PDB file of all heavy atoms in Angstrom:
ATOM      1  N   ARG A   1     161.684 129.460   7.131  1.00  0.00           N
ATOM      2  CA  ARG A   1     162.240 129.142   5.808  1.00  0.00           C
ATOM      3  C   ARG A   1     161.993 127.681   5.448  1.00  0.00           C
ATOM      4  O   ARG A   1     161.601 127.366   4.317  1.00  0.00           O
ATOM      5  CB  ARG A   1     163.745 129.438   5.784  1.00  0.00           C
ATOM      6  CG  ARG A   1     164.105 130.904   5.737  1.00  0.00           C
ATOM      7  CD  ARG A   1     165.558 131.083   5.327  1.00  0.00           C
ATOM      8  NE  ARG A   1     166.470 130.374   6.200  1.00  0.00           N
ATOM      9  CZ  ARG A   1     166.989 130.864   7.329  1.00  0.00           C
ATOM     10  NH1 ARG A   1     166.677 132.105   7.691  1.00  0.00           N
ATOM     11  NH2 ARG A   1     167.836 130.159   8.051  1.00  0.00           N
ATOM     12  N   GLU A   2     162.220 126.785   6.412  1.00  0.00           N
ATOM     13  CA  GLU A   2     162.021 125.360   6.143  1.00  0.00           C
ATOM     14  C   GLU A   2     160.566 125.066   5.820  1.00  0.00           C
ATOM     15  O   GLU A   2     160.267 124.250   4.940  1.00  0.00           O
ATOM     16  CB  GLU A   2     162.476 124.540   7.350  1.00  0.00           C
ATOM     17  CG  GLU A   2     163.979 124.532   7.540  1.00  0.00           C
ATOM     18  CD  GLU A   2     164.390 123.791   8.807  1.00  0.00           C
ATOM     19  OE1 GLU A   2     163.493 123.435   9.609  1.00  0.00           O
ATOM     20  OE2 GLU A   2     165.605 123.578   9.007  1.00  0.00           O
ATOM     21  N   PHE A   3     159.657 125.715   6.544  1.00  0.00           N
ATOM     22  CA  PHE A   3     158.238 125.484   6.285  1.00  0.00           C
ATOM     23  C   PHE A   3     157.861 126.004   4.895  1.00  0.00           C
ATOM     24  O   PHE A   3     157.161 125.319   4.141  1.00  0.00           O
ATOM     25  CB  PHE A   3     157.379 126.178   7.348  1.00  0.00           C
ATOM     26  CG  PHE A   3     155.903 126.013   7.136  1.00  0.00           C
ATOM     27  CD1 PHE A   3     155.249 124.873   7.581  1.00  0.00           C
ATOM     28  CD2 PHE A   3     155.162 126.974   6.464  1.00  0.00           C
ATOM     29  CE1 PHE A   3     153.888 124.696   7.370  1.00  0.00           C
ATOM     30  CE2 PHE A   3     153.805 126.821   6.248  1.00  0.00           C
ATOM     31  CZ  PHE A   3     153.163 125.679   6.704  1.00  0.00           C
ATOM     32  N   GLU A   4     158.314 127.180   4.555  1.00  0.00           N
ATOM     33  CA  GLU A   4     157.922 127.799   3.291  1.00  0.00           C
ATOM     34  C   GLU A   4     158.543 127.116   2.082  1.00  0.00           C
ATOM     35  O   GLU A   4     157.994 127.186   0.975  1.00  0.00           O
ATOM     36  CB  GLU A   4     158.301 129.283   3.309  1.00  0.00           C
ATOM     37  CG  GLU A   4     157.475 130.097   4.303  1.00  0.00           C
ATOM     38  CD  GLU A   4     157.928 131.536   4.406  1.00  0.00           C
ATOM     39  OE1 GLU A   4     159.062 131.834   3.936  1.00  0.00           O
ATOM     40  OE2 GLU A   4     157.178 132.365   4.961  1.00  0.00           O
ATOM     41  N   THR A   5     159.686 126.438   2.258  1.00  0.00           N
ATOM     42  CA  THR A   5     160.374 125.825   1.116  1.00  0.00           C
ATOM     43  C   THR A   5     160.235 124.306   1.065  1.00  0.00           C
ATOM     44  O   THR A   5     160.835 123.671   0.198  1.00  0.00           O
ATOM     45  CB  THR A   5     161.871 126.180   1.166  1.00  0.00           C
ATOM     46  OG1 THR A   5     162.446 125.710   2.396  1.00  0.00           O
ATOM     47  CG2 THR A   5     162.068 127.686   1.061  1.00  0.00           C
ATOM     48  N   GLN A   6     159.449 123.717   1.947  1.00  0.00           N
ATOM     49  CA  GLN A   6     159.308 122.265   1.936  1.00  0.00           C
ATOM     50  C   GLN A   6     158.621 121.798   0.654  1.00  0.00           C
ATOM     51  O   GLN A   6     157.752 122.487   0.110  1.00  0.00           O
ATOM     52  CB  GLN A   6     158.533 121.792   3.165  1.00  0.00           C
ATOM     53  CG  GLN A   6     157.094 122.262   3.221  1.00  0.00           C
ATOM     54  CD  GLN A   6     156.384 121.849   4.493  1.00  0.00           C
ATOM     55  OE1 GLN A   6     156.494 120.697   4.908  1.00  0.00           O
ATOM     56  NE2 GLN A   6     155.664 122.767   5.112  1.00  0.00           N
ATOM     57  N   PRO A   7     158.996 120.631   0.145  1.00  0.00           N
ATOM     58  CA  PRO A   7     158.370 120.124  -1.082  1.00  0.00           C
ATOM     59  C   PRO A   7     156.953 119.624  -0.823  1.00  0.00           C
ATOM     60  O   PRO A   7     156.562 119.388   0.329  1.00  0.00           O
ATOM     61  CB  PRO A   7     159.300 118.972  -1.483  1.00  0.00           C
ATOM     62  CG  PRO A   7     159.893 118.495  -0.187  1.00  0.00           C
ATOM     63  CD  PRO A   7     160.055 119.733   0.653  1.00  0.00           C
ATOM     64  N   GLY A   8     156.203 119.458  -1.894  1.00  0.00           N
ATOM     65  CA  GLY A   8     154.860 118.908  -1.789  1.00  0.00           C
ATOM     66  C   GLY A   8     153.787 119.942  -2.031  1.00  0.00           C
ATOM     67  O   GLY A   8     154.060 121.120  -2.324  1.00  0.00           O
ATOM     68  N   TRP A   9     152.554 119.501  -1.891  1.00  0.00           N
ATOM     69  CA  TRP A   9     151.400 120.367  -2.094  1.00  0.00           C
ATOM     70  C   TRP A   9     151.136 121.208  -0.845  1.00  0.00           C
ATOM     71  O   TRP A   9     151.438 120.795   0.270  1.00  0.00           O
ATOM     72  CB  TRP A   9     150.168 119.532  -2.418  1.00  0.00           C
ATOM     73  CG  TRP A   9     150.149 119.061  -3.844  1.00  0.00           C
ATOM     74  CD1 TRP A   9     150.813 117.993  -4.372  1.00  0.00           C
ATOM     75  CD2 TRP A   9     149.441 119.666  -4.922  1.00  0.00           C
ATOM     76  NE1 TRP A   9     150.565 117.882  -5.705  1.00  0.00           N
ATOM     77  CE2 TRP A   9     149.712 118.894  -6.089  1.00  0.00           C
ATOM     78  CE3 TRP A   9     148.589 120.766  -5.038  1.00  0.00           C
ATOM     79  CZ2 TRP A   9     149.175 119.199  -7.331  1.00  0.00           C
ATOM     80  CZ3 TRP A   9     148.054 121.064  -6.281  1.00  0.00           C
ATOM     81  CH2 TRP A   9     148.351 120.300  -7.407  1.00  0.00           C
ATOM     82  N   LYS A  10     150.554 122.377  -1.103  1.00  0.00           N
ATOM     83  CA  LYS A  10     150.164 123.277  -0.015  1.00  0.00           C
ATOM     84  C   LYS A  10     148.667 123.535  -0.058  1.00  0.00           C
ATOM     85  O   LYS A  10     148.055 123.509  -1.122  1.00  0.00           O
ATOM     86  CB  LYS A  10     150.899 124.621  -0.112  1.00  0.00           C
ATOM     87  CG  LYS A  10     152.376 124.566   0.184  1.00  0.00           C
ATOM     88  CD  LYS A  10     152.964 125.976   0.144  1.00  0.00           C
ATOM     89  CE  LYS A  10     154.449 125.946   0.477  1.00  0.00           C
ATOM     90  NZ  LYS A  10     155.046 127.314   0.449  1.00  0.00           N
ATOM     91  N   VAL A  11     148.113 123.806   1.122  1.00  0.00           N
ATOM     92  CA  VAL A  11     146.729 124.268   1.237  1.00  0.00           C
ATOM     93  C   VAL A  11     146.760 125.601   1.971  1.00  0.00           C
ATOM     94  O   VAL A  11     147.382 125.713   3.035  1.00  0.00           O
ATOM     95  CB  VAL A  11     145.849 123.259   2.006  1.00  0.00           C
ATOM     96  CG1 VAL A  11     144.460 123.851   2.258  1.00  0.00           C
ATOM     97  CG2 VAL A  11     145.743 121.948   1.248  1.00  0.00           C
ATOM     98  N   VAL A  12     146.126 126.600   1.383  1.00  0.00           N
ATOM     99  CA  VAL A  12     146.039 127.917   2.003  1.00  0.00           C
ATOM    100  C   VAL A  12     144.564 128.254   2.203  1.00  0.00           C
ATOM    101  O   VAL A  12     143.767 128.102   1.272  1.00  0.00           O
ATOM    102  CB  VAL A  12     146.709 129.004   1.147  1.00  0.00           C
ATOM    103  CG1 VAL A  12     146.560 130.381   1.796  1.00  0.00           C
ATOM    104  CG2 VAL A  12     148.182 128.675   0.921  1.00  0.00           C
ATOM    105  N   VAL A  13     144.213 128.667   3.408  1.00  0.00           N
ATOM    106  CA  VAL A  13     142.853 129.131   3.679  1.00  0.00           C
ATOM    107  C   VAL A  13     142.948 130.605   4.049  1.00  0.00           C
ATOM    108  O   VAL A  13     143.606 130.962   5.039  1.00  0.00           O
ATOM    109  CB  VAL A  13     142.191 128.338   4.820  1.00  0.00           C
ATOM    110  CG1 VAL A  13     140.772 128.858   5.064  1.00  0.00           C
ATOM    111  CG2 VAL A  13     142.160 126.849   4.493  1.00  0.00           C
ATOM    112  N   GLU A  14     142.318 131.458   3.253  1.00  0.00           N
ATOM    113  CA  GLU A  14     142.323 132.898   3.492  1.00  0.00           C
ATOM    114  C   GLU A  14     140.927 133.337   3.923  1.00  0.00           C
ATOM    115  O   GLU A  14     139.948 133.098   3.218  1.00  0.00           O
ATOM    116  CB  GLU A  14     142.738 133.663   2.237  1.00  0.00           C
ATOM    117  CG  GLU A  14     144.204 133.484   1.869  1.00  0.00           C
ATOM    118  CD  GLU A  14     144.599 134.395   0.720  1.00  0.00           C
ATOM    119  OE1 GLU A  14     143.730 135.158   0.225  1.00  0.00           O
ATOM    120  OE2 GLU A  14     145.776 134.344   0.312  1.00  0.00           O
ATOM    121  N   ALA A  15     140.849 133.959   5.091  1.00  0.00           N
ATOM    122  CA  ALA A  15     139.569 134.418   5.611  1.00  0.00           C
ATOM    123  C   ALA A  15     139.306 135.849   5.184  1.00  0.00           C
ATOM    124  O   ALA A  15     140.240 136.645   4.998  1.00  0.00           O
ATOM    125  CB  ALA A  15     139.554 134.314   7.133  1.00  0.00           C
ATOM    126  N   ASP A  16     138.037 136.186   5.043  1.00  0.00           N
ATOM    127  CA  ASP A  16     137.663 137.570   4.789  1.00  0.00           C
ATOM    128  C   ASP A  16     138.013 138.408   6.020  1.00  0.00           C
ATOM    129  O   ASP A  16     137.826 137.935   7.160  1.00  0.00           O
ATOM    130  CB  ASP A  16     136.168 137.659   4.502  1.00  0.00           C
ATOM    131  CG  ASP A  16     135.746 139.049   4.049  1.00  0.00           C
ATOM    132  OD1 ASP A  16     135.459 139.893   4.925  1.00  0.00           O
ATOM    133  OD2 ASP A  16     135.716 139.276   2.835  1.00  0.00           O
ATOM    134  N   PRO A  17     138.543 139.631   5.847  1.00  0.00           N
ATOM    135  CA  PRO A  17     138.913 140.450   7.010  1.00  0.00           C
ATOM    136  C   PRO A  17     137.785 140.655   8.021  1.00  0.00           C
ATOM    137  O   PRO A  17     138.041 140.824   9.215  1.00  0.00           O
ATOM    138  CB  PRO A  17     139.338 141.778   6.377  1.00  0.00           C
ATOM    139  CG  PRO A  17     139.787 141.415   5.005  1.00  0.00           C
ATOM    140  CD  PRO A  17     138.888 140.288   4.579  1.00  0.00           C
ATOM    141  N   SER A  18     136.532 140.623   7.530  1.00  0.00           N
ATOM    142  CA  SER A  18     135.408 140.838   8.438  1.00  0.00           C
ATOM    143  C   SER A  18     134.992 139.570   9.188  1.00  0.00           C
ATOM    144  O   SER A  18     134.169 139.635  10.099  1.00  0.00           O
ATOM    145  CB  SER A  18     134.203 141.361   7.657  1.00  0.00           C
ATOM    146  OG  SER A  18     133.751 140.398   6.718  1.00  0.00           O
ATOM    147  N   ALA A  19     135.570 138.417   8.809  1.00  0.00           N
ATOM    148  CA  ALA A  19     135.195 137.146   9.449  1.00  0.00           C
ATOM    149  C   ALA A  19     136.417 136.247   9.573  1.00  0.00           C
ATOM    150  O   ALA A  19     136.557 135.269   8.836  1.00  0.00           O
ATOM    151  CB  ALA A  19     134.087 136.453   8.662  1.00  0.00           C
ATOM    152  N   PRO A  20     137.351 136.565  10.473  1.00  0.00           N
ATOM    153  CA  PRO A  20     138.545 135.729  10.621  1.00  0.00           C
ATOM    154  C   PRO A  20     138.203 134.341  11.136  1.00  0.00           C
ATOM    155  O   PRO A  20     137.107 134.100  11.661  1.00  0.00           O
ATOM    156  CB  PRO A  20     139.384 136.502  11.646  1.00  0.00           C
ATOM    157  CG  PRO A  20     138.387 137.296  12.425  1.00  0.00           C
ATOM    158  CD  PRO A  20     137.307 137.659  11.442  1.00  0.00           C
ATOM    159  N   LEU A  21     139.139 133.442  10.993  1.00  0.00           N
ATOM    160  CA  LEU A  21     139.019 132.107  11.577  1.00  0.00           C
ATOM    161  C   LEU A  21     139.396 132.182  13.051  1.00  0.00           C
ATOM    162  O   LEU A  21     140.246 132.968  13.452  1.00  0.00           O
ATOM    163  CB  LEU A  21     139.948 131.134  10.856  1.00  0.00           C
ATOM    164  CG  LEU A  21     139.617 130.860   9.381  1.00  0.00           C
ATOM    165  CD1 LEU A  21     140.814 130.232   8.691  1.00  0.00           C
ATOM    166  CD2 LEU A  21     138.396 129.957   9.274  1.00  0.00           C
ATOM    167  N   TRP A  22     138.753 131.328  13.842  1.00  0.00           N
ATOM    168  CA  TRP A  22     139.007 131.324  15.281  1.00  0.00           C
ATOM    169  C   TRP A  22     139.516 129.953  15.721  1.00  0.00           C
ATOM    170  O   TRP A  22     139.064 128.918  15.208  1.00  0.00           O
ATOM    171  CB  TRP A  22     137.732 131.674  16.053  1.00  0.00           C
ATOM    172  CG  TRP A  22     137.245 133.045  15.735  1.00  0.00           C
ATOM    173  CD1 TRP A  22     136.314 133.391  14.811  1.00  0.00           C
ATOM    174  CD2 TRP A  22     137.718 134.276  16.301  1.00  0.00           C
ATOM    175  NE1 TRP A  22     136.144 134.752  14.775  1.00  0.00           N
ATOM    176  CE2 TRP A  22     136.996 135.330  15.677  1.00  0.00           C
ATOM    177  CE3 TRP A  22     138.654 134.588  17.284  1.00  0.00           C
ATOM    178  CZ2 TRP A  22     137.206 136.662  16.008  1.00  0.00           C
ATOM    179  CZ3 TRP A  22     138.862 135.913  17.615  1.00  0.00           C
ATOM    180  CH2 TRP A  22     138.136 136.938  16.974  1.00  0.00           C
ATOM    181  N   PRO A  23     140.479 129.921  16.647  1.00  0.00           N
ATOM    182  CA  PRO A  23     140.978 128.626  17.128  1.00  0.00           C
ATOM    183  C   PRO A  23     139.896 127.854  17.875  1.00  0.00           C
ATOM    184  O   PRO A  23     139.328 128.364  18.842  1.00  0.00           O
ATOM    185  CB  PRO A  23     142.144 129.012  18.045  1.00  0.00           C
ATOM    186  CG  PRO A  23     141.883 130.421  18.439  1.00  0.00           C
ATOM    187  CD  PRO A  23     141.149 131.052  17.306  1.00  0.00           C
ATOM    188  N   GLN A  24     139.610 126.653  17.408  1.00  0.00           N
ATOM    189  CA  GLN A  24     138.638 125.779  18.069  1.00  0.00           C
ATOM    190  C   GLN A  24     139.327 124.596  18.746  1.00  0.00           C
ATOM    191  O   GLN A  24     138.687 123.815  19.442  1.00  0.00           O
ATOM    192  CB  GLN A  24     137.609 125.286  17.045  1.00  0.00           C
ATOM    193  CG  GLN A  24     136.781 126.408  16.443  1.00  0.00           C
ATOM    194  CD  GLN A  24     135.763 125.910  15.423  1.00  0.00           C
ATOM    195  OE1 GLN A  24     135.728 124.723  15.067  1.00  0.00           O
ATOM    196  NE2 GLN A  24     134.935 126.809  14.929  1.00  0.00           N
ATOM    197  N   GLY A  25     140.620 124.474  18.535  1.00  0.00           N
ATOM    198  CA  GLY A  25     141.404 123.425  19.166  1.00  0.00           C
ATOM    199  C   GLY A  25     142.835 123.490  18.674  1.00  0.00           C
ATOM    200  O   GLY A  25     143.071 123.712  17.493  1.00  0.00           O
ATOM    201  N   PHE A  26     143.797 123.360  19.595  1.00  0.00           N
ATOM    202  CA  PHE A  26     145.201 123.267  19.219  1.00  0.00           C
ATOM    203  C   PHE A  26     145.955 122.636  20.377  1.00  0.00           C
ATOM    204  O   PHE A  26     145.465 122.576  21.503  1.00  0.00           O
ATOM    205  CB  PHE A  26     145.795 124.638  18.856  1.00  0.00           C
ATOM    206  CG  PHE A  26     145.897 125.600  19.999  1.00  0.00           C
ATOM    207  CD1 PHE A  26     147.061 125.701  20.755  1.00  0.00           C
ATOM    208  CD2 PHE A  26     144.827 126.431  20.334  1.00  0.00           C
ATOM    209  CE1 PHE A  26     147.166 126.592  21.811  1.00  0.00           C
ATOM    210  CE2 PHE A  26     144.915 127.330  21.389  1.00  0.00           C
ATOM    211  CZ  PHE A  26     146.087 127.408  22.131  1.00  0.00           C
ATOM    212  N   ASP A  27     147.150 122.138  20.093  1.00  0.00           N
ATOM    213  CA  ASP A  27     147.962 121.477  21.101  1.00  0.00           C
ATOM    214  C   ASP A  27     149.007 122.465  21.608  1.00  0.00           C
ATOM    215  O   ASP A  27     149.979 122.751  20.920  1.00  0.00           O
ATOM    216  CB  ASP A  27     148.648 120.250  20.498  1.00  0.00           C
ATOM    217  CG  ASP A  27     149.424 119.445  21.532  1.00  0.00           C
ATOM    218  OD1 ASP A  27     149.563 119.927  22.671  1.00  0.00           O
ATOM    219  OD2 ASP A  27     149.886 118.339  21.206  1.00  0.00           O
ATOM    220  N   PRO A  28     148.835 123.026  22.830  1.00  0.00           N
ATOM    221  CA  PRO A  28     149.767 124.057  23.308  1.00  0.00           C
ATOM    222  C   PRO A  28     151.183 123.548  23.532  1.00  0.00           C
ATOM    223  O   PRO A  28     152.120 124.343  23.624  1.00  0.00           O
ATOM    224  CB  PRO A  28     149.125 124.533  24.618  1.00  0.00           C
ATOM    225  CG  PRO A  28     148.258 123.401  25.053  1.00  0.00           C
ATOM    226  CD  PRO A  28     147.765 122.755  23.802  1.00  0.00           C
ATOM    227  N   LEU A  29     151.355 122.225  23.619  1.00  0.00           N
ATOM    228  CA  LEU A  29     152.693 121.674  23.783  1.00  0.00           C
ATOM    229  C   LEU A  29     153.448 121.593  22.462  1.00  0.00           C
ATOM    230  O   LEU A  29     154.663 121.357  22.454  1.00  0.00           O
ATOM    231  CB  LEU A  29     152.613 120.270  24.395  1.00  0.00           C
ATOM    232  CG  LEU A  29     152.248 120.190  25.874  1.00  0.00           C
ATOM    233  CD1 LEU A  29     152.189 118.738  26.306  1.00  0.00           C
ATOM    234  CD2 LEU A  29     153.245 120.945  26.719  1.00  0.00           C
ATOM    235  N   ASN A  30     152.758 121.777  21.364  1.00  0.00           N
ATOM    236  CA  ASN A  30     153.378 121.619  20.048  1.00  0.00           C
ATOM    237  C   ASN A  30     153.086 122.819  19.160  1.00  0.00           C
ATOM    238  O   ASN A  30     152.566 122.680  18.044  1.00  0.00           O
ATOM    239  CB  ASN A  30     152.888 120.321  19.385  1.00  0.00           C
ATOM    240  CG  ASN A  30     153.434 119.088  20.070  1.00  0.00           C
ATOM    241  OD1 ASN A  30     154.573 118.688  19.853  1.00  0.00           O
ATOM    242  ND2 ASN A  30     152.629 118.493  20.932  1.00  0.00           N
ATOM    243  N   VAL A  31     153.396 123.993  19.673  1.00  0.00           N
ATOM    244  CA  VAL A  31     153.305 125.228  18.895  1.00  0.00           C
ATOM    245  C   VAL A  31     154.609 125.984  19.051  1.00  0.00           C
ATOM    246  O   VAL A  31     155.329 125.825  20.038  1.00  0.00           O
ATOM    247  CB  VAL A  31     152.127 126.121  19.333  1.00  0.00           C
ATOM    248  CG1 VAL A  31     150.800 125.430  19.090  1.00  0.00           C
ATOM    249  CG2 VAL A  31     152.260 126.521  20.795  1.00  0.00           C
ATOM    250  N   GLN A  32     154.919 126.787  18.053  1.00  0.00           N
ATOM    251  CA  GLN A  32     156.130 127.603  18.078  1.00  0.00           C
ATOM    252  C   GLN A  32     155.810 128.972  17.510  1.00  0.00           C
ATOM    253  O   GLN A  32     155.389 129.082  16.352  1.00  0.00           O
ATOM    254  CB  GLN A  32     157.234 126.943  17.232  1.00  0.00           C
ATOM    255  CG  GLN A  32     158.493 127.769  17.074  1.00  0.00           C
ATOM    256  CD  GLN A  32     159.280 127.905  18.362  1.00  0.00           C
ATOM    257  OE1 GLN A  32     159.656 126.899  18.957  1.00  0.00           O
ATOM    258  NE2 GLN A  32     159.515 129.113  18.815  1.00  0.00           N
ATOM    259  N   ARG A  33     155.948 130.000  18.321  1.00  0.00           N
ATOM    260  CA  ARG A  33     155.715 131.352  17.824  1.00  0.00           C
ATOM    261  C   ARG A  33     156.890 131.758  16.947  1.00  0.00           C
ATOM    262  O   ARG A  33     158.045 131.717  17.375  1.00  0.00           O
ATOM    263  CB  ARG A  33     155.579 132.320  19.003  1.00  0.00           C
ATOM    264  CG  ARG A  33     154.885 133.618  18.641  1.00  0.00           C
ATOM    265  CD  ARG A  33     154.679 134.477  19.862  1.00  0.00           C
ATOM    266  NE  ARG A  33     155.921 135.124  20.290  1.00  0.00           N
ATOM    267  CZ  ARG A  33     156.177 135.500  21.534  1.00  0.00           C
ATOM    268  NH1 ARG A  33     155.302 135.262  22.482  1.00  0.00           N
ATOM    269  NH2 ARG A  33     157.307 136.099  21.841  1.00  0.00           N
ATOM    270  N   LEU A  34     156.611 132.156  15.708  1.00  0.00           N
ATOM    271  CA  LEU A  34     157.668 132.530  14.774  1.00  0.00           C
ATOM    272  C   LEU A  34     157.782 134.033  14.598  1.00  0.00           C
ATOM    273  O   LEU A  34     158.694 134.509  13.925  1.00  0.00           O
ATOM    274  CB  LEU A  34     157.429 131.873  13.407  1.00  0.00           C
ATOM    275  CG  LEU A  34     157.384 130.343  13.387  1.00  0.00           C
ATOM    276  CD1 LEU A  34     157.333 129.840  11.961  1.00  0.00           C
ATOM    277  CD2 LEU A  34     158.571 129.750  14.128  1.00  0.00           C
ATOM    278  N   GLY A  35     156.857 134.771  15.160  1.00  0.00           N
ATOM    279  CA  GLY A  35     156.881 136.219  15.045  1.00  0.00           C
ATOM    280  C   GLY A  35     155.713 136.800  15.809  1.00  0.00           C
ATOM    281  O   GLY A  35     154.963 136.087  16.482  1.00  0.00           O
TER     282      GLY A  35
END
């Protein structure tokens, strides 16, 4: 809820179902599974 209602501009990237985006780097210490 906090993420979805935060003020400011948003950027959304939507991939085509036949070509999803793949993780090329992320910080495993700073992730939170929400569902």
